[in-house]
Amino acid sequence: MPDRAFFDTNILVYAFSGGDRRQSAALDLLLAGGTIGVQTLNEFARVVAGKLGTPWRDVILRLQTIQQLCEPAIPLTLAVHQRGLRIAQAHGYHIYDALMLAAALEASCTVFYSEDMHDGHVVGGMTIRNPFG
């Protein structure tokens, strides 16, 4: 059975970061398809518009591309929020990371791609993988 992938925000940011050594690997993952959450989309917009200074028109076009390549975004529901709190408490992840892990579990993902989290750590049967390491 093939892995069902979920992408952390950093994977999406690198996929659109020309000149970054991680772009190729991130873009390959994104083009292969996977799952994202509304939290991921929000964080992507914050990083790309805020930290990188990308014009909103371009941010919106990139978000549309991401949504076309990925399965429908997992909503940030009360159930996802509560599961995220349990993950944060049990595993020590920051709440926003825990919310994305909870969304990935909600979508029955088996692998969570992230540069920032603990590579090889298993949460709820899902394995965190750093595709750049």
N, C-alpha and C. Protein backbone atom coordinates (compact mmCIF):
# COMPACT_ATOMS: atom_id res chain seq x y z
N MET A 1 0.85 -1.18 0.00
CA MET A 1 0.00 0.00 0.00
C MET A 1 0.90 1.25 0.00
N PRO A 2 0.68 2.17 -0.94
CA PRO A 2 1.53 3.37 -1.00
C PRO A 2 1.27 4.30 0.18
N ASP A 3 2.31 5.07 0.50
CA ASP A 3 2.17 6.05 1.58
C ASP A 3 1.14 7.10 1.20
N ARG A 4 0.39 7.53 2.19
CA ARG A 4 -0.54 8.65 2.03
C ARG A 4 0.14 9.84 2.71
N ALA A 5 0.55 10.83 1.92
CA ALA A 5 1.41 11.91 2.40
C ALA A 5 0.65 13.16 2.82
N PHE A 6 1.19 13.82 3.84
CA PHE A 6 0.72 15.13 4.29
C PHE A 6 1.94 16.04 4.29
N PHE A 7 1.75 17.30 3.86
CA PHE A 7 2.86 18.23 3.74
C PHE A 7 2.80 19.32 4.80
N ASP A 8 3.92 19.49 5.49
CA ASP A 8 4.09 20.62 6.40
C ASP A 8 4.30 21.87 5.55
N THR A 9 4.12 23.01 6.16
CA THR A 9 4.23 24.30 5.46
C THR A 9 5.58 24.46 4.78
N ASN A 10 6.66 24.04 5.44
CA ASN A 10 7.99 24.27 4.86
C ASN A 10 8.16 23.55 3.52
N ILE A 11 7.51 22.43 3.33
CA ILE A 11 7.60 21.73 2.04
C ILE A 11 7.01 22.60 0.94
N LEU A 12 5.87 23.22 1.22
CA LEU A 12 5.21 24.08 0.23
C LEU A 12 6.03 25.34 -0.04
N VAL A 13 6.58 25.93 1.00
CA VAL A 13 7.38 27.15 0.83
C VAL A 13 8.59 26.83 -0.05
N TYR A 14 9.29 25.74 0.23
CA TYR A 14 10.47 25.38 -0.57
C TYR A 14 10.10 25.06 -2.02
N ALA A 15 8.94 24.48 -2.25
CA ALA A 15 8.52 24.16 -3.61
C ALA A 15 8.42 25.40 -4.49
N PHE A 16 8.19 26.54 -3.88
CA PHE A 16 8.06 27.80 -4.62
C PHE A 16 9.26 28.74 -4.40
N SER A 17 10.34 28.22 -3.83
CA SER A 17 11.51 29.05 -3.51
C SER A 17 12.61 28.82 -4.54
N GLY A 18 12.59 29.61 -5.60
CA GLY A 18 13.62 29.49 -6.63
C GLY A 18 15.00 29.71 -6.06
N GLY A 19 15.95 28.88 -6.47
CA GLY A 19 17.32 28.99 -6.02
C GLY A 19 17.63 28.27 -4.72
N ASP A 20 16.62 27.77 -4.04
CA ASP A 20 16.85 27.03 -2.79
C ASP A 20 17.18 25.58 -3.15
N ARG A 21 18.21 25.03 -2.52
CA ARG A 21 18.64 23.67 -2.82
C ARG A 21 17.56 22.63 -2.55
N ARG A 22 16.58 22.97 -1.72
CA ARG A 22 15.51 22.04 -1.37
C ARG A 22 14.32 22.10 -2.33
N GLN A 23 14.34 23.05 -3.25
CA GLN A 23 13.18 23.25 -4.12
C GLN A 23 12.85 22.01 -4.93
N SER A 24 13.83 21.37 -5.53
CA SER A 24 13.57 20.23 -6.40
C SER A 24 12.88 19.09 -5.65
N ALA A 25 13.40 18.74 -4.48
CA ALA A 25 12.79 17.65 -3.70
C ALA A 25 11.39 18.03 -3.25
N ALA A 26 11.22 19.28 -2.81
CA ALA A 26 9.90 19.72 -2.35
C ALA A 26 8.90 19.75 -3.50
N LEU A 27 9.34 20.22 -4.65
CA LEU A 27 8.45 20.28 -5.82
C LEU A 27 8.07 18.88 -6.28
N ASP A 28 9.02 17.95 -6.26
CA ASP A 28 8.71 16.55 -6.62
C ASP A 28 7.62 15.97 -5.72
N LEU A 29 7.74 16.24 -4.41
CA LEU A 29 6.72 15.75 -3.48
C LEU A 29 5.36 16.37 -3.79
N LEU A 30 5.35 17.68 -3.97
CA LEU A 30 4.09 18.38 -4.24
C LEU A 30 3.45 17.89 -5.53
N LEU A 31 4.24 17.72 -6.57
CA LEU A 31 3.70 17.27 -7.86
C LEU A 31 3.18 15.83 -7.79
N ALA A 32 3.73 15.03 -6.88
CA ALA A 32 3.25 13.66 -6.70
C ALA A 32 1.89 13.63 -6.00
N GLY A 33 1.52 14.75 -5.38
CA GLY A 33 0.23 14.85 -4.71
C GLY A 33 0.31 14.43 -3.26
N GLY A 34 -0.63 14.92 -2.51
CA GLY A 34 -0.69 14.62 -1.10
C GLY A 34 -1.82 15.39 -0.46
N THR A 35 -1.72 15.53 0.83
CA THR A 35 -2.77 16.17 1.60
C THR A 35 -2.19 17.35 2.36
N ILE A 36 -3.01 18.36 2.56
CA ILE A 36 -2.66 19.53 3.34
C ILE A 36 -3.83 19.85 4.24
N GLY A 37 -3.63 20.79 5.13
CA GLY A 37 -4.72 21.26 5.98
C GLY A 37 -4.91 22.76 5.81
N VAL A 38 -6.02 23.24 6.27
CA VAL A 38 -6.28 24.67 6.25
C VAL A 38 -5.19 25.41 7.03
N GLN A 39 -4.74 24.80 8.14
CA GLN A 39 -3.65 25.38 8.92
C GLN A 39 -2.40 25.55 8.05
N THR A 40 -2.12 24.59 7.19
CA THR A 40 -0.97 24.65 6.30
C THR A 40 -1.11 25.82 5.33
N LEU A 41 -2.30 25.98 4.77
CA LEU A 41 -2.54 27.09 3.84
C LEU A 41 -2.37 28.44 4.54
N ASN A 42 -2.87 28.54 5.76
CA ASN A 42 -2.74 29.79 6.52
C ASN A 42 -1.28 30.12 6.80
N GLU A 43 -0.53 29.12 7.23
CA GLU A 43 0.88 29.35 7.53
C GLU A 43 1.67 29.68 6.26
N PHE A 44 1.35 29.02 5.16
CA PHE A 44 2.00 29.32 3.88
C PHE A 44 1.79 30.78 3.51
N ALA A 45 0.55 31.25 3.60
CA ALA A 45 0.24 32.65 3.27
C ALA A 45 1.02 33.60 4.18
N ARG A 46 1.08 33.29 5.46
CA ARG A 46 1.80 34.14 6.41
C ARG A 46 3.29 34.22 6.07
N VAL A 47 3.91 33.08 5.80
CA VAL A 47 5.34 33.05 5.51
C VAL A 47 5.65 33.73 4.18
N VAL A 48 4.91 33.37 3.14
CA VAL A 48 5.22 33.87 1.81
C VAL A 48 4.90 35.36 1.67
N ALA A 49 3.77 35.79 2.20
CA ALA A 49 3.42 37.21 2.12
C ALA A 49 4.18 38.04 3.15
N GLY A 50 4.23 37.52 4.38
CA GLY A 50 4.84 38.28 5.47
C GLY A 50 6.35 38.25 5.48
N LYS A 51 6.91 37.08 5.68
CA LYS A 51 8.37 36.96 5.82
C LYS A 51 9.11 37.16 4.50
N LEU A 52 8.54 36.64 3.40
CA LEU A 52 9.24 36.72 2.11
C LEU A 52 8.82 37.92 1.28
N GLY A 53 7.74 38.60 1.68
CA GLY A 53 7.31 39.81 1.00
C GLY A 53 6.74 39.61 -0.40
N THR A 54 6.20 38.43 -0.65
CA THR A 54 5.59 38.15 -1.95
C THR A 54 4.28 38.91 -2.07
N PRO A 55 4.01 39.54 -3.22
CA PRO A 55 2.74 40.24 -3.40
C PRO A 55 1.55 39.29 -3.24
N TRP A 56 0.46 39.79 -2.66
CA TRP A 56 -0.72 38.96 -2.40
C TRP A 56 -1.26 38.29 -3.65
N ARG A 57 -1.20 38.94 -4.78
CA ARG A 57 -1.69 38.33 -6.03
C ARG A 57 -0.94 37.03 -6.30
N ASP A 58 0.38 37.05 -6.10
CA ASP A 58 1.19 35.85 -6.33
C ASP A 58 0.96 34.80 -5.24
N VAL A 59 0.76 35.25 -4.01
CA VAL A 59 0.46 34.31 -2.91
C VAL A 59 -0.82 33.55 -3.22
N ILE A 60 -1.83 34.26 -3.64
CA ILE A 60 -3.13 33.63 -3.95
C ILE A 60 -2.99 32.65 -5.11
N LEU A 61 -2.22 33.00 -6.14
CA LEU A 61 -2.01 32.08 -7.26
C LEU A 61 -1.28 30.80 -6.80
N ARG A 62 -0.31 30.96 -5.93
CA ARG A 62 0.41 29.79 -5.41
C ARG A 62 -0.50 28.92 -4.55
N LEU A 63 -1.33 29.55 -3.74
CA LEU A 63 -2.29 28.79 -2.93
C LEU A 63 -3.26 28.01 -3.82
N GLN A 64 -3.69 28.62 -4.92
CA GLN A 64 -4.59 27.93 -5.85
C GLN A 64 -3.89 26.73 -6.48
N THR A 65 -2.62 26.89 -6.83
CA THR A 65 -1.85 25.79 -7.41
C THR A 65 -1.72 24.65 -6.41
N ILE A 66 -1.40 24.98 -5.17
CA ILE A 66 -1.27 23.96 -4.12
C ILE A 66 -2.58 23.20 -3.97
N GLN A 67 -3.69 23.92 -3.95
CA GLN A 67 -4.99 23.28 -3.76
C GLN A 67 -5.36 22.41 -4.96
N GLN A 68 -4.88 22.74 -6.15
CA GLN A 68 -5.14 21.90 -7.31
C GLN A 68 -4.32 20.62 -7.27
N LEU A 69 -3.10 20.69 -6.72
CA LEU A 69 -2.22 19.53 -6.69
C LEU A 69 -2.50 18.60 -5.51
N CYS A 70 -3.09 19.14 -4.46
CA CYS A 70 -3.33 18.35 -3.25
C CYS A 70 -4.81 18.03 -3.11
N GLU A 71 -5.06 17.01 -2.33
CA GLU A 71 -6.45 16.66 -2.04
C GLU A 71 -7.10 17.82 -1.30
N PRO A 72 -8.41 17.86 -1.23
CA PRO A 72 -9.04 18.97 -0.50
C PRO A 72 -8.45 19.12 0.90
N ALA A 73 -8.21 20.37 1.27
CA ALA A 73 -7.58 20.68 2.55
C ALA A 73 -8.45 20.19 3.71
N ILE A 74 -7.79 19.62 4.70
CA ILE A 74 -8.49 19.15 5.90
C ILE A 74 -8.84 20.39 6.73
N PRO A 75 -10.12 20.56 7.05
CA PRO A 75 -10.51 21.76 7.81
C PRO A 75 -10.02 21.72 9.26
N LEU A 76 -9.89 22.88 9.81
CA LEU A 76 -9.52 23.01 11.22
C LEU A 76 -10.81 23.01 12.03
N THR A 77 -11.23 21.82 12.41
CA THR A 77 -12.47 21.64 13.17
C THR A 77 -12.17 21.56 14.66
N LEU A 78 -13.21 21.56 15.47
CA LEU A 78 -13.03 21.40 16.90
C LEU A 78 -12.39 20.05 17.21
N ALA A 79 -12.78 19.01 16.48
CA ALA A 79 -12.19 17.68 16.70
C ALA A 79 -10.70 17.67 16.38
N VAL A 80 -10.30 18.34 15.29
CA VAL A 80 -8.88 18.43 14.94
C VAL A 80 -8.15 19.24 16.01
N HIS A 81 -8.76 20.32 16.46
CA HIS A 81 -8.18 21.14 17.52
C HIS A 81 -7.93 20.31 18.79
N GLN A 82 -8.93 19.56 19.21
CA GLN A 82 -8.80 18.77 20.43
C GLN A 82 -7.75 17.67 20.28
N ARG A 83 -7.70 17.05 19.11
CA ARG A 83 -6.67 16.04 18.86
C ARG A 83 -5.29 16.68 18.86
N GLY A 84 -5.19 17.88 18.28
CA GLY A 84 -3.93 18.62 18.28
C GLY A 84 -3.45 18.93 19.68
N LEU A 85 -4.38 19.31 20.57
CA LEU A 85 -4.01 19.56 21.96
C LEU A 85 -3.44 18.32 22.62
N ARG A 86 -4.07 17.17 22.36
CA ARG A 86 -3.58 15.92 22.93
C ARG A 86 -2.18 15.57 22.40
N ILE A 87 -1.96 15.82 21.11
CA ILE A 87 -0.65 15.55 20.51
C ILE A 87 0.40 16.48 21.11
N ALA A 88 0.08 17.75 21.24
CA ALA A 88 1.02 18.71 21.82
C ALA A 88 1.40 18.30 23.24
N GLN A 89 0.40 17.91 24.01
CA GLN A 89 0.65 17.51 25.39
C GLN A 89 1.47 16.22 25.47
N ALA A 90 1.12 15.25 24.67
CA ALA A 90 1.77 13.94 24.74
C ALA A 90 3.18 13.91 24.13
N HIS A 91 3.40 14.71 23.08
CA HIS A 91 4.66 14.61 22.34
C HIS A 91 5.52 15.86 22.42
N GLY A 92 4.99 16.94 23.00
CA GLY A 92 5.77 18.15 23.16
C GLY A 92 5.90 19.02 21.93
N TYR A 93 5.07 18.78 20.93
CA TYR A 93 5.11 19.63 19.73
C TYR A 93 4.42 20.96 20.00
N HIS A 94 4.87 21.99 19.30
CA HIS A 94 4.23 23.30 19.33
C HIS A 94 2.78 23.11 18.86
N ILE A 95 1.86 23.87 19.38
CA ILE A 95 0.43 23.68 19.07
C ILE A 95 0.15 23.72 17.57
N TYR A 96 0.80 24.64 16.84
CA TYR A 96 0.50 24.73 15.41
C TYR A 96 1.02 23.51 14.65
N ASP A 97 2.15 22.98 15.06
CA ASP A 97 2.63 21.72 14.47
C ASP A 97 1.69 20.58 14.84
N ALA A 98 1.27 20.55 16.09
CA ALA A 98 0.36 19.50 16.55
C ALA A 98 -0.98 19.54 15.81
N LEU A 99 -1.44 20.74 15.48
CA LEU A 99 -2.69 20.86 14.72
C LEU A 99 -2.54 20.26 13.32
N MET A 100 -1.37 20.46 12.71
CA MET A 100 -1.16 19.87 11.39
C MET A 100 -1.02 18.35 11.49
N LEU A 101 -0.35 17.87 12.53
CA LEU A 101 -0.28 16.42 12.73
C LEU A 101 -1.67 15.83 12.93
N ALA A 102 -2.51 16.54 13.69
CA ALA A 102 -3.88 16.07 13.92
C ALA A 102 -4.67 16.04 12.61
N ALA A 103 -4.50 17.06 11.77
CA ALA A 103 -5.19 17.08 10.47
C ALA A 103 -4.72 15.92 9.60
N ALA A 104 -3.42 15.63 9.64
CA ALA A 104 -2.89 14.51 8.86
C ALA A 104 -3.47 13.19 9.33
N LEU A 105 -3.58 13.03 10.63
CA LEU A 105 -4.18 11.80 11.16
C LEU A 105 -5.66 11.72 10.81
N GLU A 106 -6.33 12.87 10.81
CA GLU A 106 -7.75 12.92 10.42
C GLU A 106 -7.92 12.42 8.99
N ALA A 107 -6.91 12.69 8.14
CA ALA A 107 -6.96 12.29 6.73
C ALA A 107 -6.39 10.88 6.51
N SER A 108 -6.06 10.18 7.59
CA SER A 108 -5.49 8.83 7.52
C SER A 108 -4.16 8.78 6.77
N CYS A 109 -3.36 9.83 6.93
CA CYS A 109 -2.05 9.85 6.29
C CYS A 109 -1.09 8.91 7.03
N THR A 110 -0.14 8.36 6.28
CA THR A 110 0.84 7.44 6.86
C THR A 110 2.22 8.08 6.98
N VAL A 111 2.44 9.18 6.26
CA VAL A 111 3.72 9.88 6.33
C VAL A 111 3.46 11.38 6.35
N PHE A 112 4.21 12.08 7.18
CA PHE A 112 4.10 13.53 7.34
C PHE A 112 5.46 14.11 6.96
N TYR A 113 5.53 14.84 5.83
CA TYR A 113 6.80 15.40 5.38
C TYR A 113 7.02 16.76 6.01
N SER A 114 8.16 16.89 6.71
CA SER A 114 8.51 18.13 7.38
C SER A 114 10.01 18.20 7.59
N GLU A 115 10.56 19.38 7.45
CA GLU A 115 11.97 19.59 7.77
C GLU A 115 12.14 19.88 9.26
N ASP A 116 11.10 20.40 9.89
CA ASP A 116 11.20 20.94 11.24
C ASP A 116 10.96 19.94 12.37
N MET A 117 10.27 18.87 12.11
CA MET A 117 9.89 17.97 13.19
C MET A 117 10.87 16.81 13.30
N HIS A 118 10.66 15.95 14.24
CA HIS A 118 11.59 14.86 14.55
C HIS A 118 11.49 13.75 13.50
N ASP A 119 12.49 13.69 12.62
CA ASP A 119 12.53 12.68 11.56
C ASP A 119 12.47 11.28 12.18
N GLY A 120 11.56 10.47 11.67
CA GLY A 120 11.41 9.10 12.15
C GLY A 120 10.46 8.94 13.32
N HIS A 121 10.03 10.05 13.92
CA HIS A 121 9.10 9.98 15.04
C HIS A 121 7.74 9.50 14.52
N VAL A 122 7.11 8.63 15.27
CA VAL A 122 5.80 8.09 14.89
C VAL A 122 4.75 8.67 15.84
N VAL A 123 3.71 9.25 15.24
CA VAL A 123 2.59 9.81 15.99
C VAL A 123 1.32 9.17 15.46
N GLY A 124 0.64 8.43 16.31
CA GLY A 124 -0.62 7.81 15.90
C GLY A 124 -0.49 6.88 14.71
N GLY A 125 0.65 6.23 14.55
CA GLY A 125 0.85 5.32 13.43
C GLY A 125 1.39 6.00 12.18
N MET A 126 1.55 7.32 12.20
CA MET A 126 2.06 8.09 11.07
C MET A 126 3.51 8.47 11.35
N THR A 127 4.37 8.31 10.35
CA THR A 127 5.79 8.58 10.50
C THR A 127 6.16 9.95 9.92
N ILE A 128 6.91 10.71 10.70
CA ILE A 128 7.41 12.01 10.24
C ILE A 128 8.70 11.77 9.48
N ARG A 129 8.81 12.36 8.29
CA ARG A 129 9.99 12.19 7.45
C ARG A 129 10.51 13.55 6.99
N ASN A 130 11.83 13.72 7.07
CA ASN A 130 12.49 14.90 6.54
C ASN A 130 13.00 14.52 5.14
N PRO A 131 12.40 15.07 4.09
CA PRO A 131 12.81 14.67 2.74
C PRO A 131 14.13 15.29 2.31
N PHE A 132 14.71 16.14 3.14
CA PHE A 132 15.97 16.82 2.78
C PHE A 132 17.16 16.27 3.54
N GLY A 133 16.91 15.35 4.47
CA GLY A 133 17.98 14.89 5.35
C GLY A 133 18.67 13.64 4.94
